[in-house]
PDB file of N, CA and C in Angstrom:
ATOM      1  N   MET A   1      13.027 131.954 -24.492  1.00  0.00           N
ATOM      2  CA  MET A   1      13.281 132.776 -23.324  1.00  0.00           C
ATOM      3  C   MET A   1      13.997 134.063 -23.700  1.00  0.00           C
ATOM      4  N   ALA A   2      14.764 134.078 -24.754  1.00  0.00           N
ATOM      5  CA  ALA A   2      15.462 135.290 -25.158  1.00  0.00           C
ATOM      6  C   ALA A   2      14.490 136.398 -25.539  1.00  0.00           C
ATOM      7  N   LYS A   3      13.265 136.039 -25.932  1.00  0.00           N
ATOM      8  CA  LYS A   3      12.278 137.040 -26.308  1.00  0.00           C
ATOM      9  C   LYS A   3      11.652 137.709 -25.089  1.00  0.00           C
ATOM     10  N   ALA A   4      11.700 137.074 -23.932  1.00  0.00           N
ATOM     11  CA  ALA A   4      10.998 137.582 -22.751  1.00  0.00           C
ATOM     12  C   ALA A   4      11.381 139.013 -22.396  1.00  0.00           C
ATOM     13  N   PRO A   5      12.666 139.346 -22.254  1.00  0.00           N
ATOM     14  CA  PRO A   5      12.974 140.736 -21.906  1.00  0.00           C
ATOM     15  C   PRO A   5      12.557 141.724 -22.991  1.00  0.00           C
ATOM     16  N   ALA A   6      12.603 141.312 -24.241  1.00  0.00           N
ATOM     17  CA  ALA A   6      12.243 142.215 -25.339  1.00  0.00           C
ATOM     18  C   ALA A   6      10.779 142.635 -25.272  1.00  0.00           C
ATOM     19  N   GLU A   7       9.943 141.857 -24.605  1.00  0.00           N
ATOM     20  CA  GLU A   7       8.538 142.196 -24.478  1.00  0.00           C
ATOM     21  C   GLU A   7       8.320 143.394 -23.555  1.00  0.00           C
ATOM     22  N   THR A   8       9.220 143.588 -22.597  1.00  0.00           N
ATOM     23  CA  THR A   8       8.999 144.631 -21.594  1.00  0.00           C
ATOM     24  C   THR A   8      10.200 145.527 -21.349  1.00  0.00           C
ATOM     25  N   ALA A   9      11.361 145.209 -21.892  1.00  0.00           N
ATOM     26  CA  ALA A   9      12.565 146.019 -21.700  1.00  0.00           C
ATOM     27  C   ALA A   9      13.239 146.211 -23.053  1.00  0.00           C
ATOM     28  N   TYR A  10      13.573 147.450 -23.352  1.00  0.00           N
ATOM     29  CA  TYR A  10      14.121 147.735 -24.673  1.00  0.00           C
ATOM     30  C   TYR A  10      14.852 149.069 -24.634  1.00  0.00           C
ATOM     31  N   HIS A  11      15.508 149.426 -25.721  1.00  0.00           N
ATOM     32  CA  HIS A  11      16.125 150.748 -25.831  1.00  0.00           C
ATOM     33  C   HIS A  11      15.872 151.322 -27.220  1.00  0.00           C
ATOM     34  N   THR A  12      15.970 152.632 -27.283  1.00  0.00           N
ATOM     35  CA  THR A  12      15.844 153.337 -28.553  1.00  0.00           C
ATOM     36  C   THR A  12      16.803 154.515 -28.535  1.00  0.00           C
ATOM     37  N   ASP A  13      17.322 154.863 -29.696  1.00  0.00           N
ATOM     38  CA  ASP A  13      18.255 155.980 -29.822  1.00  0.00           C
ATOM     39  C   ASP A  13      17.554 157.149 -30.488  1.00  0.00           C
ATOM     40  N   TYR A  14      17.771 158.340 -29.925  1.00  0.00           N
ATOM     41  CA  TYR A  14      17.165 159.536 -30.490  1.00  0.00           C
ATOM     42  C   TYR A  14      18.075 160.727 -30.233  1.00  0.00           C
ATOM     43  N   GLN A  15      18.554 161.336 -31.275  1.00  0.00           N
ATOM     44  CA  GLN A  15      19.377 162.538 -31.229  1.00  0.00           C
ATOM     45  C   GLN A  15      20.533 162.431 -30.228  1.00  0.00           C
ATOM     46  N   GLY A  16      21.294 161.348 -30.319  1.00  0.00           N
ATOM     47  CA  GLY A  16      22.478 161.183 -29.483  1.00  0.00           C
ATOM     48  C   GLY A  16      22.222 160.683 -28.080  1.00  0.00           C
ATOM     49  N   VAL A  17      20.979 160.303 -27.788  1.00  0.00           N
ATOM     50  CA  VAL A  17      20.638 159.788 -26.460  1.00  0.00           C
ATOM     51  C   VAL A  17      20.086 158.382 -26.616  1.00  0.00           C
ATOM     52  N   ARG A  18      20.585 157.460 -25.829  1.00  0.00           N
ATOM     53  CA  ARG A  18      20.014 156.110 -25.786  1.00  0.00           C
ATOM     54  C   ARG A  18      19.066 156.064 -24.594  1.00  0.00           C
ATOM     55  N   PHE A  19      17.795 155.854 -24.879  1.00  0.00           N
ATOM     56  CA  PHE A  19      16.773 155.716 -23.840  1.00  0.00           C
ATOM     57  C   PHE A  19      16.576 154.232 -23.573  1.00  0.00           C
ATOM     58  N   LEU A  20      16.768 153.835 -22.324  1.00  0.00           N
ATOM     59  CA  LEU A  20      16.652 152.428 -21.916  1.00  0.00           C
ATOM     60  C   LEU A  20      15.417 152.290 -21.039  1.00  0.00           C
ATOM     61  N   SER A  21      14.492 151.486 -21.462  1.00  0.00           N
ATOM     62  CA  SER A  21      13.279 151.236 -20.692  1.00  0.00           C
ATOM     63  C   SER A  21      13.377 149.835 -20.097  1.00  0.00           C
ATOM     64  N   LEU A  22      13.311 149.771 -18.770  1.00  0.00           N
ATOM     65  CA  LEU A  22      13.467 148.504 -18.066  1.00  0.00           C
ATOM     66  C   LEU A  22      12.194 148.168 -17.302  1.00  0.00           C
ATOM     67  N   SER A  23      12.031 146.912 -16.980  1.00  0.00           N
ATOM     68  CA  SER A  23      10.876 146.465 -16.214  1.00  0.00           C
ATOM     69  C   SER A  23      11.347 145.961 -14.856  1.00  0.00           C
ATOM     70  N   ALA A  24      11.272 146.824 -13.855  1.00  0.00           N
ATOM     71  CA  ALA A  24      11.717 146.456 -12.516  1.00  0.00           C
ATOM     72  C   ALA A  24      10.677 145.622 -11.782  1.00  0.00           C
ATOM     73  N   GLY A  25       9.461 145.563 -12.286  1.00  0.00           N
ATOM     74  CA  GLY A  25       8.427 144.750 -11.662  1.00  0.00           C
ATOM     75  C   GLY A  25       8.713 143.273 -11.843  1.00  0.00           C
ATOM     76  N   THR A  26       8.718 142.538 -10.772  1.00  0.00           N
ATOM     77  CA  THR A  26       9.038 141.119 -10.849  1.00  0.00           C
ATOM     78  C   THR A  26       7.798 140.226 -10.766  1.00  0.00           C
ATOM     79  N   GLY A  27       6.615 140.819 -10.744  1.00  0.00           N
ATOM     80  CA  GLY A  27       5.393 140.040 -10.620  1.00  0.00           C
ATOM     81  C   GLY A  27       5.167 139.053 -11.757  1.00  0.00           C
ATOM     82  N   ASP A  28       5.553 139.427 -12.973  1.00  0.00           N
ATOM     83  CA  ASP A  28       5.364 138.550 -14.129  1.00  0.00           C
ATOM     84  C   ASP A  28       6.602 137.734 -14.455  1.00  0.00           C
ATOM     85  N   ALA A  29       7.612 137.783 -13.594  1.00  0.00           N
ATOM     86  CA  ALA A  29       8.890 137.126 -13.892  1.00  0.00           C
ATOM     87  C   ALA A  29       8.728 135.630 -14.145  1.00  0.00           C
ATOM     88  N   ARG A  30       7.966 134.950 -13.320  1.00  0.00           N
ATOM     89  CA  ARG A  30       7.814 133.502 -13.491  1.00  0.00           C
ATOM     90  C   ARG A  30       7.198 133.177 -14.853  1.00  0.00           C
ATOM     91  N   ARG A  31       6.172 133.917 -15.237  1.00  0.00           N
ATOM     92  CA  ARG A  31       5.516 133.680 -16.536  1.00  0.00           C
ATOM     93  C   ARG A  31       6.461 134.001 -17.687  1.00  0.00           C
ATOM     94  N   LEU A  32       7.191 135.091 -17.575  1.00  0.00           N
ATOM     95  CA  LEU A  32       8.049 135.524 -18.679  1.00  0.00           C
ATOM     96  C   LEU A  32       9.343 134.731 -18.784  1.00  0.00           C
ATOM     97  N   MET A  33       9.848 134.209 -17.672  1.00  0.00           N
ATOM     98  CA  MET A  33      11.158 133.559 -17.662  1.00  0.00           C
ATOM     99  C   MET A  33      11.097 132.041 -17.677  1.00  0.00           C
ATOM    100  N   THR A  34       9.905 131.464 -17.615  1.00  0.00           N
ATOM    101  CA  THR A  34       9.794 130.012 -17.542  1.00  0.00           C
ATOM    102  C   THR A  34       9.078 129.476 -18.777  1.00  0.00           C
ATOM    103  N   PRO A  35       9.778 128.720 -19.609  1.00  0.00           N
ATOM    104  CA  PRO A  35       9.103 128.112 -20.763  1.00  0.00           C
ATOM    105  C   PRO A  35       7.964 127.201 -20.305  1.00  0.00           C
ATOM    106  N   ASP A  36       6.912 127.138 -21.099  1.00  0.00           N
ATOM    107  CA  ASP A  36       5.739 126.342 -20.746  1.00  0.00           C
ATOM    108  C   ASP A  36       6.059 124.859 -20.580  1.00  0.00           C
ATOM    109  N   ASP A  37       7.033 124.350 -21.329  1.00  0.00           N
ATOM    110  CA  ASP A  37       7.320 122.921 -21.289  1.00  0.00           C
ATOM    111  C   ASP A  37       8.384 122.538 -20.249  1.00  0.00           C
ATOM    112  N   LEU A  38       8.796 123.496 -19.409  1.00  0.00           N
ATOM    113  CA  LEU A  38       9.778 123.206 -18.373  1.00  0.00           C
ATOM    114  C   LEU A  38       9.084 122.544 -17.185  1.00  0.00           C
ATOM    115  N   PRO A  39       9.612 121.408 -16.690  1.00  0.00           N
ATOM    116  CA  PRO A  39       8.992 120.776 -15.522  1.00  0.00           C
ATOM    117  C   PRO A  39       9.080 121.688 -14.304  1.00  0.00           C
ATOM    118  N   ALA A  40       8.158 121.523 -13.410  1.00  0.00           N
ATOM    119  CA  ALA A  40       8.143 122.332 -12.193  1.00  0.00           C
ATOM    120  C   ALA A  40       9.402 122.067 -11.371  1.00  0.00           C
ATOM    121  N   CYS A  41       9.951 123.111 -10.810  1.00  0.00           N
ATOM    122  CA  CYS A  41      11.137 123.000  -9.962  1.00  0.00           C
ATOM    123  C   CYS A  41      10.681 122.638  -8.550  1.00  0.00           C
ATOM    124  N   THR A  42      11.343 121.668  -7.935  1.00  0.00           N
ATOM    125  CA  THR A  42      10.920 121.216  -6.608  1.00  0.00           C
ATOM    126  C   THR A  42      11.948 121.481  -5.507  1.00  0.00           C
ATOM    127  N   GLU A  43      13.240 121.641  -5.858  1.00  0.00           N
ATOM    128  CA  GLU A  43      14.242 121.950  -4.837  1.00  0.00           C
ATOM    129  C   GLU A  43      15.373 122.766  -5.449  1.00  0.00           C
ATOM    130  N   ASN A  44      15.980 123.601  -4.624  1.00  0.00           N
ATOM    131  CA  ASN A  44      17.046 124.500  -5.072  1.00  0.00           C
ATOM    132  C   ASN A  44      16.627 125.320  -6.292  1.00  0.00           C
ATOM    133  N   CYS A  45      15.414 125.824  -6.246  1.00  0.00           N
ATOM    134  CA  CYS A  45      14.855 126.551  -7.376  1.00  0.00           C
ATOM    135  C   CYS A  45      15.365 127.992  -7.392  1.00  0.00           C
ATOM    136  N   PRO A  46      15.719 128.492  -8.563  1.00  0.00           N
ATOM    137  CA  PRO A  46      16.143 129.892  -8.644  1.00  0.00           C
ATOM    138  C   PRO A  46      14.952 130.821  -8.428  1.00  0.00           C
ATOM    139  N   ASP A  47      15.230 132.000  -7.955  1.00  0.00           N
ATOM    140  CA  ASP A  47      14.205 133.014  -7.750  1.00  0.00           C
ATOM    141  C   ASP A  47      13.922 133.689  -9.094  1.00  0.00           C
ATOM    142  N   PRO A  48      12.725 133.523  -9.659  1.00  0.00           N
ATOM    143  CA  PRO A  48      12.434 134.115 -10.969  1.00  0.00           C
ATOM    144  C   PRO A  48      12.603 135.632 -10.981  1.00  0.00           C
ATOM    145  N   GLY A  49      12.254 136.294  -9.890  1.00  0.00           N
ATOM    146  CA  GLY A  49      12.402 137.746  -9.823  1.00  0.00           C
ATOM    147  C   GLY A  49      13.852 138.170  -9.939  1.00  0.00           C
ATOM    148  N   LYS A  50      14.741 137.474  -9.240  1.00  0.00           N
ATOM    149  CA  LYS A  50      16.171 137.790  -9.312  1.00  0.00           C
ATOM    150  C   LYS A  50      16.702 137.507 -10.716  1.00  0.00           C
ATOM    151  N   LEU A  51      16.298 136.372 -11.284  1.00  0.00           N
ATOM    152  CA  LEU A  51      16.717 136.059 -12.656  1.00  0.00           C
ATOM    153  C   LEU A  51      16.265 137.145 -13.627  1.00  0.00           C
ATOM    154  N   TRP A  52      15.028 137.591 -13.465  1.00  0.00           N
ATOM    155  CA  TRP A  52      14.460 138.622 -14.327  1.00  0.00           C
ATOM    156  C   TRP A  52      15.296 139.896 -14.272  1.00  0.00           C
ATOM    157  N   LEU A  53      15.650 140.326 -13.069  1.00  0.00           N
ATOM    158  CA  LEU A  53      16.453 141.536 -12.921  1.00  0.00           C
ATOM    159  C   LEU A  53      17.877 141.327 -13.429  1.00  0.00           C
ATOM    160  N   ASP A  54      18.435 140.140 -13.194  1.00  0.00           N
ATOM    161  CA  ASP A  54      19.794 139.842 -13.665  1.00  0.00           C
ATOM    162  C   ASP A  54      19.867 139.829 -15.194  1.00  0.00           C
ATOM    163  N   VAL A  55      18.879 139.217 -15.850  1.00  0.00           N
ATOM    164  CA  VAL A  55      18.849 139.179 -17.313  1.00  0.00           C
ATOM    165  C   VAL A  55      18.789 140.608 -17.856  1.00  0.00           C
ATOM    166  N   GLN A  56      17.944 141.422 -17.272  1.00  0.00           N
ATOM    167  CA  GLN A  56      17.847 142.805 -17.723  1.00  0.00           C
ATOM    168  C   GLN A  56      19.110 143.596 -17.390  1.00  0.00           C
ATOM    169  N   GLY A  57      19.768 143.259 -16.287  1.00  0.00           N
ATOM    170  CA  GLY A  57      21.031 143.905 -15.942  1.00  0.00           C
ATOM    171  C   GLY A  57      22.084 143.648 -16.997  1.00  0.00           C
ATOM    172  N   ARG A  58      22.145 142.411 -17.483  1.00  0.00           N
ATOM    173  CA  ARG A  58      23.092 142.084 -18.562  1.00  0.00           C
ATOM    174  C   ARG A  58      22.693 142.787 -19.861  1.00  0.00           C
ATOM    175  N   GLN A  59      21.399 142.844 -20.120  1.00  0.00           N
ATOM    176  CA  GLN A  59      20.896 143.540 -21.304  1.00  0.00           C
ATOM    177  C   GLN A  59      21.225 145.038 -21.197  1.00  0.00           C
ATOM    178  N   LEU A  60      21.048 145.615 -20.028  1.00  0.00           N
ATOM    179  CA  LEU A  60      21.361 147.012 -19.772  1.00  0.00           C
ATOM    180  C   LEU A  60      22.845 147.279 -20.003  1.00  0.00           C
ATOM    181  N   ASP A  61      23.683 146.419 -19.456  1.00  0.00           N
ATOM    182  CA  ASP A  61      25.130 146.559 -19.603  1.00  0.00           C
ATOM    183  C   ASP A  61      25.526 146.564 -21.087  1.00  0.00           C
ATOM    184  N   ALA A  62      24.977 145.632 -21.853  1.00  0.00           N
ATOM    185  CA  ALA A  62      25.288 145.547 -23.285  1.00  0.00           C
ATOM    186  C   ALA A  62      24.782 146.778 -24.031  1.00  0.00           C
ATOM    187  N   ALA A  63      23.593 147.253 -23.688  1.00  0.00           N
ATOM    188  CA  ALA A  63      23.014 148.410 -24.373  1.00  0.00           C
ATOM    189  C   ALA A  63      23.811 149.681 -24.087  1.00  0.00           C
ATOM    190  N   VAL A  64      24.336 149.801 -22.882  1.00  0.00           N
ATOM    191  CA  VAL A  64      25.146 150.967 -22.535  1.00  0.00           C
ATOM    192  C   VAL A  64      26.515 150.868 -23.198  1.00  0.00           C
ATOM    193  N   GLU A  65      27.065 149.660 -23.214  1.00  0.00           N
ATOM    194  CA  GLU A  65      28.389 149.456 -23.786  1.00  0.00           C
ATOM    195  C   GLU A  65      28.431 149.790 -25.280  1.00  0.00           C
ATOM    196  N   ASP A  66      27.396 149.435 -26.012  1.00  0.00           N
ATOM    197  CA  ASP A  66      27.413 149.713 -27.458  1.00  0.00           C
ATOM    198  C   ASP A  66      26.613 150.964 -27.843  1.00  0.00           C
ATOM    199  N   ASN A  67      26.412 151.849 -26.877  1.00  0.00           N
ATOM    200  CA  ASN A  67      25.679 153.088 -27.120  1.00  0.00           C
ATOM    201  C   ASN A  67      26.456 153.973 -28.103  1.00  0.00           C
ATOM    202  N   PRO A  68      25.874 154.278 -29.269  1.00  0.00           N
ATOM    203  CA  PRO A  68      26.568 155.127 -30.230  1.00  0.00           C
ATOM    204  C   PRO A  68      26.526 156.612 -29.853  1.00  0.00           C
ATOM    205  N   GLY A  69      25.673 156.970 -28.928  1.00  0.00           N
ATOM    206  CA  GLY A  69      25.527 158.371 -28.536  1.00  0.00           C
ATOM    207  C   GLY A  69      26.370 158.727 -27.326  1.00  0.00           C
ATOM    208  N   LYS A  70      26.238 159.964 -26.923  1.00  0.00           N
ATOM    209  CA  LYS A  70      26.993 160.481 -25.775  1.00  0.00           C
ATOM    210  C   LYS A  70      26.268 160.222 -24.457  1.00  0.00           C
ATOM    211  N   TRP A  71      24.965 160.142 -24.499  1.00  0.00           N
ATOM    212  CA  TRP A  71      24.164 160.056 -23.282  1.00  0.00           C
ATOM    213  C   TRP A  71      23.343 158.774 -23.227  1.00  0.00           C
ATOM    214  N   ALA A  72      23.013 158.359 -21.996  1.00  0.00           N
ATOM    215  CA  ALA A  72      22.098 157.232 -21.773  1.00  0.00           C
ATOM    216  C   ALA A  72      21.164 157.612 -20.627  1.00  0.00           C
ATOM    217  N   VAL A  73      19.898 157.323 -20.817  1.00  0.00           N
ATOM    218  CA  VAL A  73      18.877 157.584 -19.808  1.00  0.00           C
ATOM    219  C   VAL A  73      18.133 156.281 -19.562  1.00  0.00           C
ATOM    220  N   ALA A  74      18.102 155.846 -18.315  1.00  0.00           N
ATOM    221  CA  ALA A  74      17.381 154.620 -17.958  1.00  0.00           C
ATOM    222  C   ALA A  74      16.106 154.994 -17.204  1.00  0.00           C
ATOM    223  N   VAL A  75      14.998 154.388 -17.608  1.00  0.00           N
ATOM    224  CA  VAL A  75      13.718 154.635 -16.939  1.00  0.00           C
ATOM    225  C   VAL A  75      13.087 153.300 -16.550  1.00  0.00           C
ATOM    226  N   PHE A  76      12.468 153.308 -15.378  1.00  0.00           N
ATOM    227  CA  PHE A  76      11.758 152.137 -14.875  1.00  0.00           C
ATOM    228  C   PHE A  76      10.902 152.586 -13.710  1.00  0.00           C
ATOM    229  N   HIS A  77       9.961 151.763 -13.308  1.00  0.00           N
ATOM    230  CA  HIS A  77       8.955 152.173 -12.325  1.00  0.00           C
ATOM    231  C   HIS A  77       9.474 152.183 -10.886  1.00  0.00           C
ATOM    232  N   GLN A  78      10.094 151.108 -10.444  1.00  0.00           N
ATOM    233  CA  GLN A  78      10.548 151.041  -9.072  1.00  0.00           C
ATOM    234  C   GLN A  78      11.842 151.835  -8.898  1.00  0.00           C
ATOM    235  N   PRO A  79      12.028 152.515  -7.748  1.00  0.00           N
ATOM    236  CA  PRO A  79      13.246 153.296  -7.539  1.00  0.00           C
ATOM    237  C   PRO A  79      14.426 152.414  -7.142  1.00  0.00           C
ATOM    238  N   VAL A  80      15.623 152.881  -7.475  1.00  0.00           N
ATOM    239  CA  VAL A  80      16.828 152.207  -6.986  1.00  0.00           C
ATOM    240  C   VAL A  80      17.017 152.592  -5.524  1.00  0.00           C
ATOM    241  N   PHE A  81      16.761 153.862  -5.215  1.00  0.00           N
ATOM    242  CA  PHE A  81      16.811 154.367  -3.847  1.00  0.00           C
ATOM    243  C   PHE A  81      15.473 155.018  -3.545  1.00  0.00           C
ATOM    244  N   SER A  82      14.971 154.829  -2.338  1.00  0.00           N
ATOM    245  CA  SER A  82      13.731 155.484  -1.945  1.00  0.00           C
ATOM    246  C   SER A  82      13.747 155.728  -0.450  1.00  0.00           C
ATOM    247  N   GLY A  83      13.275 156.880  -0.065  1.00  0.00           N
ATOM    248  CA  GLY A  83      13.154 157.205   1.347  1.00  0.00           C
ATOM    249  C   GLY A  83      11.807 156.787   1.916  1.00  0.00           C
ATOM    250  N   ALA A  84      10.908 156.332   1.067  1.00  0.00           N
ATOM    251  CA  ALA A  84       9.572 155.951   1.513  1.00  0.00           C
ATOM    252  C   ALA A  84       9.604 154.601   2.227  1.00  0.00           C
ATOM    253  N   GLU A  85       8.872 154.524   3.300  1.00  0.00           N
ATOM    254  CA  GLU A  85       8.798 153.278   4.058  1.00  0.00           C
ATOM    255  C   GLU A  85       8.191 152.174   3.196  1.00  0.00           C
ATOM    256  N   GLY A  86       8.815 150.993   3.209  1.00  0.00           N
ATOM    257  CA  GLY A  86       8.322 149.850   2.458  1.00  0.00           C
ATOM    258  C   GLY A  86       8.680 149.885   0.976  1.00  0.00           C
ATOM    259  N   ARG A  87       9.495 150.842   0.556  1.00  0.00           N
ATOM    260  CA  ARG A  87       9.843 150.963  -0.868  1.00  0.00           C
ATOM    261  C   ARG A  87      11.329 150.722  -1.124  1.00  0.00           C
ATOM    262  N   ASP A  88      12.004 150.005  -0.230  1.00  0.00           N
ATOM    263  CA  ASP A  88      13.411 149.695  -0.440  1.00  0.00           C
ATOM    264  C   ASP A  88      13.501 148.578  -1.467  1.00  0.00           C
ATOM    265  N   GLU A  89      13.917 148.926  -2.661  1.00  0.00           N
ATOM    266  CA  GLU A  89      13.981 147.963  -3.761  1.00  0.00           C
ATOM    267  C   GLU A  89      15.396 147.387  -3.860  1.00  0.00           C
ATOM    268  N   LYS A  90      15.791 146.635  -2.843  1.00  0.00           N
ATOM    269  CA  LYS A  90      17.146 146.093  -2.763  1.00  0.00           C
ATOM    270  C   LYS A  90      17.483 145.208  -3.966  1.00  0.00           C
ATOM    271  N   ALA A  91      16.563 144.404  -4.424  1.00  0.00           N
ATOM    272  CA  ALA A  91      16.827 143.522  -5.572  1.00  0.00           C
ATOM    273  C   ALA A  91      17.147 144.333  -6.825  1.00  0.00           C
ATOM    274  N   VAL A  92      16.416 145.415  -7.053  1.00  0.00           N
ATOM    275  CA  VAL A  92      16.678 146.291  -8.204  1.00  0.00           C
ATOM    276  C   VAL A  92      18.045 146.939  -8.044  1.00  0.00           C
ATOM    277  N   ARG A  93      18.317 147.442  -6.851  1.00  0.00           N
ATOM    278  CA  ARG A  93      19.600 148.092  -6.578  1.00  0.00           C
ATOM    279  C   ARG A  93      20.764 147.119  -6.784  1.00  0.00           C
ATOM    280  N   ASP A  94      20.642 145.915  -6.277  1.00  0.00           N
ATOM    281  CA  ASP A  94      21.712 144.922  -6.404  1.00  0.00           C
ATOM    282  C   ASP A  94      21.964 144.541  -7.862  1.00  0.00           C
ATOM    283  N   ALA A  95      20.901 144.454  -8.659  1.00  0.00           N
ATOM    284  CA  ALA A  95      21.042 144.013 -10.049  1.00  0.00           C
ATOM    285  C   ALA A  95      21.514 145.127 -10.976  1.00  0.00           C
ATOM    286  N   TRP A  96      21.058 146.354 -10.770  1.00  0.00           N
ATOM    287  CA  TRP A  96      21.295 147.396 -11.763  1.00  0.00           C
ATOM    288  C   TRP A  96      22.239 148.505 -11.329  1.00  0.00           C
ATOM    289  N   LEU A  97      22.342 148.782 -10.033  1.00  0.00           N
ATOM    290  CA  LEU A  97      23.200 149.881  -9.594  1.00  0.00           C
ATOM    291  C   LEU A  97      24.650 149.711 -10.044  1.00  0.00           C
ATOM    292  N   PRO A  98      25.230 148.501  -9.983  1.00  0.00           N
ATOM    293  CA  PRO A  98      26.612 148.365 -10.473  1.00  0.00           C
ATOM    294  C   PRO A  98      26.763 148.748 -11.946  1.00  0.00           C
ATOM    295  N   VAL A  99      25.754 148.455 -12.756  1.00  0.00           N
ATOM    296  CA  VAL A  99      25.810 148.830 -14.178  1.00  0.00           C
ATOM    297  C   VAL A  99      25.736 150.353 -14.297  1.00  0.00           C
ATOM    298  N   PHE A 100      24.830 150.989 -13.555  1.00  0.00           N
ATOM    299  CA  PHE A 100      24.725 152.444 -13.596  1.00  0.00           C
ATOM    300  C   PHE A 100      26.042 153.087 -13.173  1.00  0.00           C
ATOM    301  N   GLN A 101      26.637 152.576 -12.101  1.00  0.00           N
ATOM    302  CA  GLN A 101      27.871 153.156 -11.585  1.00  0.00           C
ATOM    303  C   GLN A 101      29.043 152.955 -12.538  1.00  0.00           C
ATOM    304  N   SER A 102      29.184 151.765 -13.102  1.00  0.00           N
ATOM    305  CA  SER A 102      30.327 151.492 -13.968  1.00  0.00           C
ATOM    306  C   SER A 102      30.217 152.220 -15.310  1.00  0.00           C
ATOM    307  N   SER A 103      28.992 152.563 -15.714  1.00  0.00           N
ATOM    308  CA  SER A 103      28.816 153.217 -17.009  1.00  0.00           C
ATOM    309  C   SER A 103      28.605 154.718 -16.872  1.00  0.00           C
ATOM    310  N   GLY A 104      28.590 155.217 -15.656  1.00  0.00           N
ATOM    311  CA  GLY A 104      28.453 156.662 -15.450  1.00  0.00           C
ATOM    312  C   GLY A 104      27.043 157.192 -15.567  1.00  0.00           C
ATOM    313  N   ILE A 105      26.039 156.337 -15.456  1.00  0.00           N
ATOM    314  CA  ILE A 105      24.655 156.816 -15.471  1.00  0.00           C
ATOM    315  C   ILE A 105      24.337 157.361 -14.085  1.00  0.00           C
ATOM    316  N   ASP A 106      24.005 158.657 -14.012  1.00  0.00           N
ATOM    317  CA  ASP A 106      23.698 159.286 -12.733  1.00  0.00           C
ATOM    318  C   ASP A 106      22.266 158.969 -12.335  1.00  0.00           C
ATOM    319  N   ARG A 107      21.993 159.114 -11.054  1.00  0.00           N
ATOM    320  CA  ARG A 107      20.625 158.935 -10.581  1.00  0.00           C
ATOM    321  C   ARG A 107      20.066 160.304 -10.220  1.00  0.00           C
ATOM    322  N   CYS A 108      18.758 160.445 -10.400  1.00  0.00           N
ATOM    323  CA  CYS A 108      18.139 161.691  -9.983  1.00  0.00           C
ATOM    324  C   CYS A 108      16.768 161.396  -9.428  1.00  0.00           C
TER     325      CYS A 108
END
């Protein structure tokens, strides 16, 4: 399971900037976060999408914390804030906005 986020979320450093690429899409969360040999969950099951965003939130926090450069840029498909109808990505905002705010990553 530790390999799952590395397949779609990662960072790279270039000229003093840490670029963080995240996967805000939760459609593949169940496939990526559930080992094949895990029995099916029948009650009190965790939400794979929330787990997916939370795991990446912790990964994001660690990547920002050990950033050797001065700057960090996070990129992902779904917006944290959107004025478009039907595009309120509350799960993304809940999982990642606190990391952005505590580490000083601005939104644009």
